[in-house]
N, C-alpha and C. Protein backbone atom coordinates (compact mmCIF):
# COMPACT_ATOMS: atom_id res chain seq x y z
N MET A 1 137.80 14.44 132.39
CA MET A 1 136.53 15.15 132.43
C MET A 1 136.65 16.37 133.36
N HIS A 2 137.27 16.16 134.49
CA HIS A 2 137.39 17.24 135.46
C HIS A 2 138.18 18.42 134.87
N MET A 3 139.26 18.15 134.13
CA MET A 3 140.09 19.20 133.53
C MET A 3 139.31 19.97 132.48
N LYS A 4 138.44 19.26 131.74
CA LYS A 4 137.63 19.92 130.72
C LYS A 4 136.70 20.95 131.36
N LYS A 5 136.06 20.56 132.47
CA LYS A 5 135.17 21.48 133.18
C LYS A 5 135.95 22.68 133.68
N LEU A 6 137.14 22.43 134.22
CA LEU A 6 137.97 23.51 134.73
C LEU A 6 138.38 24.45 133.59
N ALA A 7 138.78 23.87 132.46
CA ALA A 7 139.16 24.68 131.29
C ALA A 7 137.97 25.51 130.82
N SER A 8 136.77 24.90 130.78
CA SER A 8 135.56 25.62 130.37
C SER A 8 135.27 26.77 131.33
N LEU A 9 135.48 26.51 132.60
CA LEU A 9 135.25 27.55 133.60
C LEU A 9 136.20 28.73 133.36
N PHE A 10 137.49 28.43 133.10
CA PHE A 10 138.45 29.50 132.85
C PHE A 10 138.09 30.28 131.58
N VAL A 11 137.65 29.59 130.55
CA VAL A 11 137.23 30.26 129.32
C VAL A 11 136.04 31.17 129.62
N PHE A 12 135.08 30.65 130.38
CA PHE A 12 133.90 31.44 130.74
C PHE A 12 134.31 32.68 131.54
N ILE A 13 135.18 32.48 132.54
CA ILE A 13 135.64 33.62 133.35
C ILE A 13 136.37 34.63 132.46
N GLY A 14 137.21 34.13 131.55
CA GLY A 14 137.92 35.02 130.63
C GLY A 14 136.97 35.83 129.78
N LEU A 15 135.93 35.18 129.25
CA LEU A 15 134.93 35.90 128.44
C LEU A 15 134.20 36.93 129.28
N THR A 16 133.85 36.55 130.50
CA THR A 16 133.15 37.47 131.40
C THR A 16 134.01 38.69 131.66
N LEU A 17 135.30 38.47 131.91
CA LEU A 17 136.19 39.60 132.18
C LEU A 17 136.31 40.49 130.94
N ASN A 18 136.40 39.88 129.76
CA ASN A 18 136.49 40.68 128.54
C ASN A 18 135.23 41.51 128.33
N VAL A 19 134.08 40.90 128.54
CA VAL A 19 132.81 41.63 128.37
C VAL A 19 132.73 42.77 129.37
N SER A 20 133.05 42.49 130.65
CA SER A 20 132.95 43.57 131.64
C SER A 20 134.01 44.64 131.39
N ALA A 21 135.17 44.25 130.87
CA ALA A 21 136.19 45.25 130.56
C ALA A 21 135.70 46.17 129.43
N GLN A 22 134.97 45.60 128.48
CA GLN A 22 134.44 46.42 127.39
C GLN A 22 133.37 47.38 127.89
N ASP A 23 132.68 47.02 128.97
CA ASP A 23 131.64 47.87 129.52
C ASP A 23 132.22 49.01 130.34
N GLN A 24 133.51 48.97 130.62
CA GLN A 24 134.15 50.02 131.41
C GLN A 24 134.73 51.08 130.48
N PRO A 25 134.38 52.34 130.73
CA PRO A 25 134.97 53.40 129.90
C PRO A 25 136.47 53.52 130.15
N GLU A 26 137.19 53.97 129.14
CA GLU A 26 138.62 54.15 129.29
C GLU A 26 139.01 55.61 129.41
N ASN A 27 138.03 56.50 129.19
CA ASN A 27 138.29 57.93 129.35
C ASN A 27 136.97 58.64 129.60
N LEU A 28 137.03 59.94 129.84
CA LEU A 28 135.83 60.70 130.18
C LEU A 28 134.84 60.74 129.02
N LYS A 29 135.32 60.92 127.80
CA LYS A 29 134.41 60.97 126.66
C LYS A 29 133.63 59.68 126.53
N GLU A 30 134.30 58.52 126.68
CA GLU A 30 133.60 57.23 126.62
C GLU A 30 132.57 57.13 127.73
N ALA A 31 132.91 57.59 128.94
CA ALA A 31 131.98 57.53 130.07
C ALA A 31 130.75 58.39 129.79
N VAL A 32 130.96 59.59 129.25
CA VAL A 32 129.84 60.49 128.91
C VAL A 32 128.97 59.84 127.82
N ASP A 33 129.62 59.28 126.80
CA ASP A 33 128.88 58.64 125.71
C ASP A 33 128.09 57.43 126.21
N MET A 34 128.71 56.59 127.05
CA MET A 34 128.04 55.39 127.56
C MET A 34 126.82 55.75 128.41
N ALA A 35 126.92 56.86 129.15
CA ALA A 35 125.81 57.29 129.99
C ALA A 35 124.80 58.13 129.19
N LYS A 36 125.09 58.33 127.90
CA LYS A 36 124.25 59.18 127.04
C LYS A 36 123.99 60.52 127.74
N ALA A 37 125.07 61.13 128.22
CA ALA A 37 124.97 62.34 129.04
C ALA A 37 125.40 63.62 128.32
N ASN A 38 125.52 63.57 126.99
CA ASN A 38 125.92 64.79 126.27
C ASN A 38 124.90 65.93 126.43
N TRP A 39 123.66 65.59 126.74
CA TRP A 39 122.62 66.61 126.95
C TRP A 39 122.97 67.55 128.11
N LEU A 40 123.84 67.10 129.03
CA LEU A 40 124.16 67.87 130.23
C LEU A 40 124.93 69.16 129.91
N PHE A 41 125.69 69.15 128.81
CA PHE A 41 126.52 70.31 128.48
C PHE A 41 125.69 71.54 128.17
N GLY A 42 126.15 72.68 128.69
CA GLY A 42 125.49 73.96 128.44
C GLY A 42 125.26 74.69 129.74
N ASP A 43 124.44 75.73 129.64
CA ASP A 43 124.12 76.58 130.79
C ASP A 43 122.68 76.32 131.20
N TRP A 44 122.48 76.19 132.51
CA TRP A 44 121.17 75.87 133.07
C TRP A 44 120.78 76.91 134.11
N GLN A 45 119.49 77.27 134.13
CA GLN A 45 118.96 78.22 135.11
C GLN A 45 117.98 77.49 136.01
N GLY A 46 118.10 77.76 137.32
CA GLY A 46 117.18 77.18 138.28
C GLY A 46 116.90 78.20 139.37
N GLU A 47 116.22 77.73 140.41
CA GLU A 47 115.88 78.60 141.52
C GLU A 47 116.23 77.89 142.81
N GLY A 48 116.91 78.60 143.72
CA GLY A 48 117.23 78.03 145.02
C GLY A 48 115.96 77.89 145.85
N SER A 49 116.03 77.15 146.97
CA SER A 49 114.85 76.96 147.82
C SER A 49 114.35 78.29 148.38
N ASP A 50 115.24 79.29 148.42
CA ASP A 50 114.83 80.62 148.90
C ASP A 50 114.37 81.53 147.76
N GLY A 51 114.26 80.98 146.54
CA GLY A 51 113.77 81.76 145.41
C GLY A 51 114.84 82.50 144.63
N THR A 52 116.10 82.44 145.09
CA THR A 52 117.16 83.15 144.37
C THR A 52 117.52 82.40 143.08
N PRO A 53 117.79 83.15 142.01
CA PRO A 53 118.17 82.50 140.76
C PRO A 53 119.51 81.77 140.91
N ARG A 54 119.61 80.64 140.23
CA ARG A 54 120.85 79.85 140.25
C ARG A 54 121.24 79.54 138.82
N LEU A 55 122.54 79.49 138.58
CA LEU A 55 123.06 79.12 137.28
C LEU A 55 124.02 77.95 137.46
N LEU A 56 123.98 77.02 136.50
CA LEU A 56 124.84 75.85 136.54
C LEU A 56 125.33 75.63 135.11
N SER A 57 126.62 75.49 134.95
CA SER A 57 127.21 75.39 133.62
C SER A 57 128.17 74.21 133.54
N TYR A 58 128.02 73.41 132.47
CA TYR A 58 128.92 72.29 132.18
C TYR A 58 129.52 72.51 130.80
N LYS A 59 130.86 72.55 130.73
CA LYS A 59 131.55 72.76 129.45
C LYS A 59 132.81 71.88 129.42
N TRP A 60 133.23 71.49 128.21
CA TRP A 60 134.52 70.80 128.09
C TRP A 60 135.61 71.80 128.42
N ALA A 61 136.45 71.51 129.39
CA ALA A 61 137.60 72.35 129.72
C ALA A 61 138.79 71.89 128.89
N ILE A 62 138.93 70.57 128.75
CA ILE A 62 139.91 69.96 127.86
C ILE A 62 139.12 68.95 127.06
N LYS A 63 139.06 69.15 125.75
CA LYS A 63 138.21 68.32 124.90
C LYS A 63 138.35 66.83 125.22
N ASP A 64 137.22 66.21 125.53
CA ASP A 64 137.11 64.78 125.81
C ASP A 64 137.84 64.30 127.07
N ALA A 65 138.45 65.22 127.85
CA ALA A 65 139.25 64.79 129.00
C ALA A 65 138.85 65.43 130.33
N ALA A 66 138.33 66.66 130.32
CA ALA A 66 137.97 67.33 131.57
C ALA A 66 136.79 68.26 131.34
N ILE A 67 135.84 68.22 132.26
CA ILE A 67 134.64 69.06 132.18
C ILE A 67 134.73 70.12 133.28
N SER A 68 134.49 71.36 132.90
CA SER A 68 134.45 72.47 133.84
C SER A 68 133.01 72.63 134.33
N VAL A 69 132.86 72.83 135.65
CA VAL A 69 131.54 73.04 136.25
C VAL A 69 131.58 74.36 137.01
N HIS A 70 130.60 75.22 136.77
CA HIS A 70 130.53 76.50 137.45
C HIS A 70 129.11 76.65 137.97
N SER A 71 128.99 76.97 139.25
CA SER A 71 127.68 77.11 139.87
C SER A 71 127.61 78.42 140.63
N THR A 72 126.54 79.19 140.43
CA THR A 72 126.32 80.42 141.19
C THR A 72 124.87 80.47 141.64
N GLY A 73 124.65 81.19 142.72
CA GLY A 73 123.29 81.38 143.22
C GLY A 73 123.33 82.01 144.59
N GLY A 74 122.54 83.08 144.76
CA GLY A 74 122.58 83.79 146.03
C GLY A 74 123.98 84.29 146.27
N ASN A 75 124.53 84.02 147.46
CA ASN A 75 125.90 84.45 147.75
C ASN A 75 126.87 83.27 147.63
N ARG A 76 126.45 82.21 146.93
CA ARG A 76 127.30 81.02 146.77
C ARG A 76 127.82 80.92 145.35
N GLU A 77 129.07 80.49 145.25
CA GLU A 77 129.67 80.24 143.94
C GLU A 77 130.68 79.13 144.10
N SER A 78 130.72 78.22 143.13
CA SER A 78 131.75 77.19 143.15
C SER A 78 132.24 76.92 141.74
N HIS A 79 133.48 76.50 141.66
CA HIS A 79 134.11 76.10 140.41
C HIS A 79 134.65 74.69 140.62
N GLY A 80 134.51 73.87 139.59
CA GLY A 80 135.01 72.52 139.73
C GLY A 80 135.40 71.92 138.40
N VAL A 81 135.92 70.72 138.49
CA VAL A 81 136.33 69.99 137.31
C VAL A 81 135.92 68.53 137.49
N ILE A 82 135.50 67.91 136.41
CA ILE A 82 135.15 66.50 136.39
C ILE A 82 136.12 65.82 135.43
N GLY A 83 136.67 64.70 135.84
CA GLY A 83 137.62 63.99 135.00
C GLY A 83 137.49 62.49 135.20
N PHE A 84 138.38 61.75 134.56
CA PHE A 84 138.35 60.30 134.62
C PHE A 84 139.56 59.78 135.37
N ASP A 85 139.32 59.00 136.42
CA ASP A 85 140.40 58.39 137.17
C ASP A 85 140.66 57.01 136.57
N ALA A 86 141.69 56.92 135.74
CA ALA A 86 141.98 55.67 135.02
C ALA A 86 142.40 54.54 135.97
N ASN A 87 142.91 54.88 137.16
CA ASN A 87 143.33 53.85 138.11
C ASN A 87 142.16 53.00 138.59
N ASN A 88 140.98 53.63 138.77
CA ASN A 88 139.85 52.85 139.25
C ASN A 88 138.66 52.86 138.28
N GLY A 89 138.85 53.47 137.10
CA GLY A 89 137.80 53.46 136.09
C GLY A 89 136.57 54.27 136.46
N LYS A 90 136.75 55.32 137.27
CA LYS A 90 135.60 56.11 137.73
C LYS A 90 135.68 57.56 137.28
N VAL A 91 134.51 58.15 137.11
CA VAL A 91 134.41 59.57 136.81
C VAL A 91 134.35 60.29 138.17
N VAL A 92 135.27 61.22 138.37
CA VAL A 92 135.38 61.91 139.66
C VAL A 92 135.42 63.42 139.45
N GLY A 93 135.12 64.14 140.51
CA GLY A 93 135.14 65.59 140.43
C GLY A 93 135.72 66.22 141.68
N LYS A 94 136.13 67.46 141.53
CA LYS A 94 136.63 68.26 142.65
C LYS A 94 136.10 69.67 142.43
N SER A 95 135.50 70.26 143.47
CA SER A 95 135.00 71.62 143.35
C SER A 95 135.44 72.45 144.55
N PHE A 96 135.51 73.75 144.34
CA PHE A 96 135.98 74.66 145.37
C PHE A 96 135.04 75.85 145.49
N SER A 97 134.85 76.30 146.73
CA SER A 97 134.08 77.52 147.00
C SER A 97 134.72 78.22 148.18
N LYS A 98 134.16 79.36 148.59
CA LYS A 98 134.69 80.07 149.75
C LYS A 98 134.50 79.25 151.03
N ARG A 99 133.53 78.35 151.02
CA ARG A 99 133.21 77.57 152.22
C ARG A 99 134.05 76.31 152.38
N GLY A 100 134.74 75.88 151.30
CA GLY A 100 135.54 74.67 151.38
C GLY A 100 135.63 74.01 150.03
N TYR A 101 135.72 72.69 150.04
CA TYR A 101 135.83 71.96 148.78
C TYR A 101 134.97 70.72 148.82
N GLY A 102 134.70 70.19 147.64
CA GLY A 102 133.90 68.98 147.54
C GLY A 102 134.58 67.97 146.64
N ASP A 103 134.42 66.70 147.00
CA ASP A 103 134.88 65.59 146.16
C ASP A 103 133.64 64.85 145.69
N SER A 104 133.62 64.46 144.43
CA SER A 104 132.44 63.74 143.94
C SER A 104 132.85 62.54 143.10
N GLU A 105 131.93 61.61 143.02
CA GLU A 105 132.09 60.43 142.18
C GLU A 105 130.79 60.26 141.42
N TRP A 106 130.90 60.14 140.10
CA TRP A 106 129.73 60.05 139.24
C TRP A 106 129.49 58.61 138.79
N SER A 107 128.22 58.25 138.69
CA SER A 107 127.84 56.96 138.13
C SER A 107 126.54 57.15 137.36
N PHE A 108 126.06 56.07 136.75
CA PHE A 108 124.86 56.15 135.93
C PHE A 108 123.98 54.96 136.27
N ALA A 109 122.73 55.22 136.64
CA ALA A 109 121.80 54.13 136.98
C ALA A 109 120.36 54.58 136.73
N ASP A 110 119.56 53.68 136.22
CA ASP A 110 118.13 53.93 136.00
C ASP A 110 117.88 55.21 135.19
N GLY A 111 118.72 55.45 134.17
CA GLY A 111 118.52 56.62 133.32
C GLY A 111 118.90 57.94 133.97
N LYS A 112 119.57 57.88 135.11
CA LYS A 112 119.96 59.09 135.83
C LYS A 112 121.46 59.10 136.08
N LEU A 113 122.05 60.27 136.04
CA LEU A 113 123.42 60.45 136.51
C LEU A 113 123.33 60.58 138.02
N ILE A 114 124.21 59.91 138.73
CA ILE A 114 124.24 59.99 140.19
C ILE A 114 125.58 60.58 140.59
N GLU A 115 125.54 61.69 141.30
CA GLU A 115 126.76 62.33 141.78
C GLU A 115 126.78 62.21 143.30
N LYS A 116 127.72 61.42 143.83
CA LYS A 116 127.91 61.34 145.28
C LYS A 116 128.92 62.40 145.65
N ILE A 117 128.56 63.25 146.61
CA ILE A 117 129.38 64.41 146.95
C ILE A 117 129.74 64.39 148.43
N THR A 118 131.00 64.67 148.73
CA THR A 118 131.42 64.88 150.11
C THR A 118 131.97 66.30 150.19
N LEU A 119 131.29 67.13 150.99
CA LEU A 119 131.73 68.51 151.18
C LEU A 119 132.62 68.56 152.41
N ASN A 120 133.71 69.30 152.29
CA ASN A 120 134.66 69.47 153.38
C ASN A 120 134.85 70.96 153.63
N GLY A 121 134.68 71.38 154.86
CA GLY A 121 134.84 72.79 155.18
C GLY A 121 135.02 73.00 156.67
N MET A 122 134.88 74.24 157.08
CA MET A 122 135.01 74.60 158.49
C MET A 122 133.67 75.18 158.95
N GLN A 123 133.30 74.83 160.19
CA GLN A 123 132.11 75.43 160.79
C GLN A 123 132.44 75.72 162.24
N ASN A 124 132.32 76.98 162.63
CA ASN A 124 132.68 77.41 163.99
C ASN A 124 134.10 76.98 164.35
N GLY A 125 135.01 77.10 163.38
CA GLY A 125 136.41 76.78 163.62
C GLY A 125 136.74 75.30 163.66
N GLU A 126 135.75 74.45 163.41
CA GLU A 126 135.95 72.99 163.43
C GLU A 126 135.79 72.43 162.02
N PRO A 127 136.64 71.45 161.65
CA PRO A 127 136.47 70.81 160.34
C PRO A 127 135.11 70.09 160.30
N ARG A 128 134.42 70.21 159.18
CA ARG A 128 133.12 69.56 159.04
C ARG A 128 133.07 68.85 157.70
N GLN A 129 132.47 67.67 157.69
CA GLN A 129 132.31 66.91 156.45
C GLN A 129 130.85 66.50 156.35
N PHE A 130 130.30 66.63 155.14
CA PHE A 130 128.89 66.29 154.92
C PHE A 130 128.77 65.60 153.57
N SER A 131 128.12 64.45 153.54
CA SER A 131 127.95 63.71 152.29
C SER A 131 126.48 63.65 151.89
N PHE A 132 126.24 63.76 150.61
CA PHE A 132 124.91 63.61 150.05
C PHE A 132 125.07 63.20 148.59
N ALA A 133 123.98 62.90 147.95
CA ALA A 133 124.03 62.55 146.53
C ALA A 133 123.00 63.38 145.79
N ARG A 134 123.25 63.51 144.51
CA ARG A 134 122.32 64.26 143.66
C ARG A 134 122.10 63.41 142.41
N SER A 135 120.83 63.11 142.13
CA SER A 135 120.53 62.42 140.88
C SER A 135 120.11 63.49 139.87
N VAL A 136 120.56 63.32 138.66
CA VAL A 136 120.31 64.31 137.60
C VAL A 136 119.71 63.56 136.42
N ARG A 137 118.56 64.03 135.95
CA ARG A 137 117.96 63.36 134.80
C ARG A 137 117.45 64.40 133.81
N SER A 138 117.49 64.00 132.54
CA SER A 138 116.98 64.84 131.47
C SER A 138 115.48 64.61 131.37
N VAL A 139 114.70 65.68 131.51
CA VAL A 139 113.24 65.59 131.36
C VAL A 139 112.93 65.70 129.86
N ASP A 140 113.52 66.71 129.22
CA ASP A 140 113.48 66.87 127.77
C ASP A 140 114.73 67.67 127.39
N GLU A 141 114.88 68.02 126.12
CA GLU A 141 116.16 68.62 125.71
C GLU A 141 116.45 69.96 126.38
N ASN A 142 115.44 70.62 126.93
CA ASN A 142 115.65 71.92 127.57
C ASN A 142 115.34 71.93 129.06
N THR A 143 115.12 70.76 129.65
CA THR A 143 114.78 70.68 131.07
C THR A 143 115.53 69.52 131.72
N MET A 144 116.12 69.80 132.87
CA MET A 144 116.70 68.72 133.67
C MET A 144 116.19 68.86 135.09
N GLU A 145 116.23 67.74 135.80
CA GLU A 145 115.73 67.72 137.16
C GLU A 145 116.80 67.10 138.06
N THR A 146 117.03 67.75 139.20
CA THR A 146 117.96 67.20 140.18
C THR A 146 117.19 66.88 141.46
N THR A 147 117.51 65.74 142.05
CA THR A 147 116.90 65.33 143.32
C THR A 147 118.03 65.02 144.28
N TYR A 148 117.88 65.47 145.51
CA TYR A 148 118.93 65.30 146.51
C TYR A 148 118.63 64.09 147.39
N HIS A 149 119.66 63.27 147.64
CA HIS A 149 119.51 62.01 148.37
C HIS A 149 120.46 61.93 149.56
N GLN A 150 120.07 61.13 150.53
CA GLN A 150 120.93 60.82 151.67
C GLN A 150 122.00 59.83 151.22
N VAL A 151 123.15 59.86 151.90
CA VAL A 151 124.21 58.87 151.67
C VAL A 151 124.53 58.27 153.04
N SER A 152 124.52 56.93 153.11
CA SER A 152 124.79 56.24 154.38
C SER A 152 126.26 56.34 154.75
N ASP A 153 126.57 55.94 155.96
CA ASP A 153 127.96 55.94 156.44
C ASP A 153 128.84 55.02 155.59
N THR A 154 128.23 54.01 154.94
CA THR A 154 128.99 53.09 154.11
C THR A 154 129.07 53.57 152.66
N GLY A 155 128.47 54.75 152.37
CA GLY A 155 128.57 55.32 151.03
C GLY A 155 127.44 54.94 150.08
N GLU A 156 126.40 54.27 150.59
CA GLU A 156 125.27 53.88 149.74
C GLU A 156 124.32 55.07 149.57
N VAL A 157 123.86 55.27 148.33
CA VAL A 157 122.89 56.33 148.06
C VAL A 157 121.53 55.84 148.56
N GLY A 158 120.87 56.68 149.36
CA GLY A 158 119.61 56.28 149.97
C GLY A 158 118.42 57.07 149.46
N GLU A 159 117.43 57.18 150.31
CA GLU A 159 116.18 57.87 149.99
C GLU A 159 116.43 59.34 149.68
N ALA A 160 115.50 59.91 148.92
CA ALA A 160 115.57 61.35 148.63
C ALA A 160 115.27 62.13 149.91
N PHE A 161 115.95 63.26 150.07
CA PHE A 161 115.62 64.16 151.19
C PHE A 161 114.21 64.65 150.95
N GLU A 162 113.49 64.89 152.04
CA GLU A 162 112.13 65.44 151.91
C GLU A 162 112.01 66.70 152.73
N ARG A 163 111.23 67.63 152.20
CA ARG A 163 110.90 68.86 152.91
C ARG A 163 109.39 69.01 152.81
N ASP A 164 108.71 69.10 153.93
CA ASP A 164 107.25 69.21 153.97
C ASP A 164 106.59 68.06 153.20
N GLY A 165 107.14 66.84 153.34
CA GLY A 165 106.55 65.65 152.74
C GLY A 165 106.80 65.47 151.25
N ALA A 166 107.61 66.36 150.65
CA ALA A 166 107.90 66.24 149.21
C ALA A 166 109.40 66.08 149.01
N LYS A 167 109.77 65.30 147.98
CA LYS A 167 111.20 65.13 147.66
C LYS A 167 111.82 66.48 147.36
N VAL A 168 113.06 66.67 147.78
CA VAL A 168 113.78 67.91 147.49
C VAL A 168 114.31 67.78 146.06
N THR A 169 113.57 68.40 145.13
CA THR A 169 113.87 68.33 143.71
C THR A 169 113.96 69.74 143.15
N GLN A 170 114.84 69.90 142.18
CA GLN A 170 115.01 71.21 141.56
C GLN A 170 114.90 71.04 140.04
N THR A 171 114.18 71.94 139.41
CA THR A 171 114.05 71.91 137.94
C THR A 171 114.95 73.00 137.37
N TRP A 172 115.66 72.62 136.31
CA TRP A 172 116.57 73.53 135.61
C TRP A 172 116.13 73.65 134.16
N LYS A 173 116.16 74.86 133.63
CA LYS A 173 115.84 75.11 132.22
C LYS A 173 117.11 75.52 131.51
N ARG A 174 117.27 74.99 130.29
CA ARG A 174 118.43 75.34 129.49
C ARG A 174 118.39 76.84 129.19
N LYS A 175 119.51 77.51 129.43
CA LYS A 175 119.59 78.93 129.16
C LYS A 175 119.83 79.13 127.67
N LYS A 176 119.02 79.94 127.05
CA LYS A 176 119.11 80.19 125.61
C LYS A 176 120.23 81.16 125.30
């Protein structure tokens, strides 16, 4: 009897592993499809907190394997790439600007894409690192909204940043 229970347990664990393995994307295209994130591709226009126009663009750099990200606004510009790290099954990104570079890790929760970002640069001649997260959601086919969140020392995404009692949120319109 005891061996039967043990065998059943192993079968159950095996099934659980197979099911969870199927839920894991094997490449960037699968990850995008699973997150239903194809709406993200294209050019987006927004406004910085200082009122300056901002542009954000997502395009396939290598079909189904790498996404190019380009961001401009005010005197800031960054270029980056998003890809799939097959070693850990995660969607990751790297971006560069005149101020330094950023590493990001993407996930999907509650109908939103979550991008955890660690910026690395220099400030007053000293290396500086700053982490935050950005949730991105589709409002409709021509509107997306980004909200900025705190990230704890352990890497957990926390509450949204607030300015004057309101969440720091940005609305983007699809550029025609």
